[in-house]
Amino acid sequence: MTNQRKTVKAVTRAAAIGALYVALTFISAAAGLSSGAIQVRLSEALCLLPLIMPEAVAGLTLGCALANFLTGCALWDIVFGSLATFIGAMLTRLFRKQFVKMPFMGTLPTILANALIIPLVLMFVYGEEGAYILFFATVGIGEVISAGVLGLIFYRKIFLSSALSSRLH
């Protein structure tokens, strides 16, 4: 396969991941789950995709930025929410060789990046009243549910049973 074809495939996959992230965030928003102190974004279930393909980092980051923009988030939420997603996805990708053997560990970068950054957004961008540690806990719990539990289910059911799992080895 030529480099140009590989590039087109990678860009297409990144765009598809971004679009899926946006769609899943819209579903979460319709259910009232995608924002606030307690967030369970279905889109965070995609957090293990960087274990399989490098273009998932860009897809998740751009998908988060677009989803935050389209759901009416403040500018700084778009910036720092996307930064949290980028950090989580990049660390998952960087440590993929270790995480492939223990995929539950691959969810930790996403959980921690969001639990550390999003409370600051809630406090300083949206003026939410409360202690940082409380928001760390609530955002962290939401991430454990969406990225940890749902992400592992998604990863195991869809990707380990598919042809994509061969890309891990």
Protein backbone atom coordinates (compact mmCIF):
# COMPACT_ATOMS: atom_id res chain seq x y z
CA MET A 1 0.00 0.00 0.00
CA THR A 2 1.38 3.41 -0.90
CA ASN A 3 2.08 6.06 1.69
CA GLN A 4 -0.62 8.27 0.19
CA ARG A 5 -3.24 5.51 0.56
CA LYS A 6 -2.11 4.87 4.15
CA THR A 7 -2.45 8.57 4.91
CA VAL A 8 -5.93 8.75 3.39
CA LYS A 9 -6.99 5.69 5.41
CA ALA A 10 -5.60 7.16 8.62
CA VAL A 11 -7.30 10.53 8.07
CA THR A 12 -10.56 8.77 7.25
CA ARG A 13 -10.36 6.67 10.43
CA ALA A 14 -9.55 9.77 12.52
CA ALA A 15 -12.56 11.57 11.03
CA ALA A 16 -14.81 8.57 11.68
CA ILE A 17 -13.64 8.39 15.30
CA GLY A 18 -14.24 12.12 15.71
CA ALA A 19 -17.73 11.82 14.23
CA LEU A 20 -18.53 8.88 16.49
CA TYR A 21 -17.28 10.85 19.50
CA VAL A 22 -19.61 13.73 18.58
CA ALA A 23 -22.60 11.42 18.01
CA LEU A 24 -22.08 9.63 21.33
CA THR A 25 -21.70 12.96 23.13
CA PHE A 26 -24.99 14.13 21.61
CA ILE A 27 -26.69 10.98 22.92
CA SER A 28 -25.20 11.65 26.36
CA ALA A 29 -26.30 15.29 26.19
CA ALA A 30 -29.85 14.30 25.25
CA ALA A 31 -29.90 12.12 28.37
CA GLY A 32 -28.48 14.98 30.47
CA LEU A 33 -25.25 13.14 31.17
CA SER A 34 -22.57 14.98 29.20
CA SER A 35 -21.82 18.05 31.31
CA GLY A 36 -21.74 19.34 34.84
CA ALA A 37 -20.07 18.04 37.98
CA ILE A 38 -21.15 14.48 37.22
CA GLN A 39 -20.48 13.54 33.61
CA VAL A 40 -20.95 10.19 31.94
CA ARG A 41 -20.13 10.73 28.30
CA LEU A 42 -20.68 7.63 26.24
CA SER A 43 -18.02 9.01 23.89
CA GLU A 44 -15.34 8.40 26.54
CA ALA A 45 -15.86 4.67 25.91
CA LEU A 46 -13.66 5.24 22.83
CA CYS A 47 -10.63 6.04 25.02
CA LEU A 48 -8.88 2.73 24.32
CA LEU A 49 -8.80 3.22 20.55
CA PRO A 50 -5.25 4.67 20.72
CA LEU A 51 -4.10 1.19 21.76
CA ILE A 52 -5.05 0.02 18.28
CA MET A 53 -4.42 2.96 15.98
CA PRO A 54 -2.37 6.15 16.30
CA GLU A 55 -4.91 8.26 14.39
CA ALA A 56 -7.36 7.75 17.25
CA VAL A 57 -5.47 10.43 19.22
CA ALA A 58 -6.39 13.08 16.64
CA GLY A 59 -9.90 11.69 16.15
CA LEU A 60 -10.71 11.75 19.87
CA THR A 61 -9.21 15.21 20.39
CA LEU A 62 -10.96 16.80 17.42
CA GLY A 63 -14.18 14.94 18.22
CA CYS A 64 -14.11 16.31 21.76
CA ALA A 65 -13.48 19.86 20.54
CA LEU A 66 -16.28 19.65 18.01
CA ALA A 67 -18.69 18.01 20.46
CA ASN A 68 -17.99 20.68 23.08
CA PHE A 69 -18.46 23.42 20.51
CA LEU A 70 -21.70 21.97 19.13
CA THR A 71 -23.18 21.39 22.58
CA GLY A 72 -22.60 25.03 23.51
CA CYS A 73 -19.66 24.77 25.88
CA ALA A 74 -17.65 27.84 26.79
CA LEU A 75 -14.45 28.50 24.80
CA TRP A 76 -12.16 27.54 27.68
CA ASP A 77 -14.11 24.31 28.15
CA ILE A 78 -13.57 23.52 24.48
CA VAL A 79 -9.84 24.21 24.85
CA PHE A 80 -9.18 22.48 28.18
CA GLY A 81 -11.69 19.66 27.69
CA SER A 82 -9.99 18.82 24.40
CA LEU A 83 -6.60 19.12 26.08
CA ALA A 84 -7.67 16.58 28.72
CA THR A 85 -8.83 14.23 25.96
CA PHE A 86 -5.56 14.73 24.04
CA ILE A 87 -3.41 14.04 27.12
CA GLY A 88 -5.36 10.88 27.95
CA ALA A 89 -5.28 9.61 24.37
CA MET A 90 -1.59 10.43 23.87
CA LEU A 91 -0.52 8.72 27.10
CA THR A 92 -2.63 5.69 26.21
CA ARG A 93 -0.88 5.55 22.84
CA LEU A 94 2.60 6.09 24.28
CA PHE A 95 2.23 3.26 26.80
CA ARG A 96 0.23 0.94 24.55
CA LYS A 97 2.70 -1.93 24.80
CA GLN A 98 2.22 -2.07 28.55
CA PHE A 99 -1.53 -1.42 28.38
CA VAL A 100 -2.30 -4.07 25.76
CA LYS A 101 -1.47 -6.73 28.34
CA MET A 102 -3.66 -4.98 30.93
CA PRO A 103 -6.25 -2.88 29.03
CA PHE A 104 -7.87 -1.62 32.24
CA MET A 105 -4.62 0.31 32.83
CA GLY A 106 -5.12 1.95 29.43
CA THR A 107 -8.18 3.74 30.77
CA LEU A 108 -6.22 5.44 33.56
CA PRO A 109 -4.69 8.25 31.46
CA THR A 110 -8.15 9.34 30.28
CA ILE A 111 -9.69 9.03 33.74
CA LEU A 112 -6.88 10.95 35.43
CA ALA A 113 -6.50 13.66 32.78
CA ASN A 114 -10.20 14.46 32.95
CA ALA A 115 -10.42 14.16 36.75
CA LEU A 116 -7.50 16.58 37.14
CA ILE A 117 -8.39 19.17 34.47
CA ILE A 118 -12.20 19.30 34.24
CA PRO A 119 -12.75 20.34 37.90
CA LEU A 120 -10.74 23.48 37.18
CA VAL A 121 -12.94 24.17 34.15
CA LEU A 122 -16.07 23.71 36.26
CA MET A 123 -14.78 26.06 38.94
CA PHE A 124 -13.12 28.80 36.88
CA VAL A 125 -15.06 28.75 33.62
CA TYR A 126 -18.55 27.94 34.85
CA GLY A 127 -18.25 29.30 38.41
CA GLU A 128 -19.43 26.06 39.98
CA GLU A 129 -19.18 26.31 43.73
CA GLY A 130 -17.50 23.48 45.51
CA ALA A 131 -14.14 22.07 46.47
CA TYR A 132 -11.70 20.88 43.84
CA ILE A 133 -11.49 17.49 45.52
CA LEU A 134 -15.28 17.07 45.27
CA PHE A 135 -15.24 17.82 41.53
CA PHE A 136 -12.18 15.57 41.13
CA ALA A 137 -14.21 12.77 42.69
CA THR A 138 -17.41 13.37 40.72
CA VAL A 139 -15.70 13.80 37.37
CA GLY A 140 -13.45 10.84 38.19
CA ILE A 141 -16.44 8.62 39.00
CA GLY A 142 -18.10 9.59 35.72
CA GLU A 143 -14.89 8.78 33.85
CA VAL A 144 -14.54 5.43 35.61
CA ILE A 145 -18.05 4.58 34.41
CA SER A 146 -17.67 5.88 30.84
CA ALA A 147 -13.99 5.32 30.05
CA GLY A 148 -13.27 2.53 32.48
CA VAL A 149 -16.32 0.28 32.47
CA LEU A 150 -17.90 1.14 29.12
CA GLY A 151 -14.50 1.59 27.46
CA LEU A 152 -13.34 -1.85 28.51
CA ILE A 153 -16.60 -3.45 27.40
CA PHE A 154 -16.32 -1.69 24.02
CA TYR A 155 -12.66 -2.65 23.65
CA ARG A 156 -13.14 -6.29 24.58
CA LYS A 157 -16.36 -6.95 22.69
CA ILE A 158 -15.64 -5.05 19.51
CA PHE A 159 -11.91 -4.86 19.00
CA LEU A 160 -10.44 -7.95 20.59
CA SER A 161 -12.94 -10.10 18.72
CA SER A 162 -12.32 -8.37 15.38
CA ALA A 163 -9.60 -8.28 12.79
CA LEU A 164 -8.37 -5.03 14.32
CA SER A 165 -6.91 -6.99 17.22
CA SER A 166 -4.23 -8.26 14.87
CA ARG A 167 -2.87 -4.69 14.71
CA LEU A 168 -1.89 -4.98 18.38
CA HIS A 169 0.75 -7.61 17.72
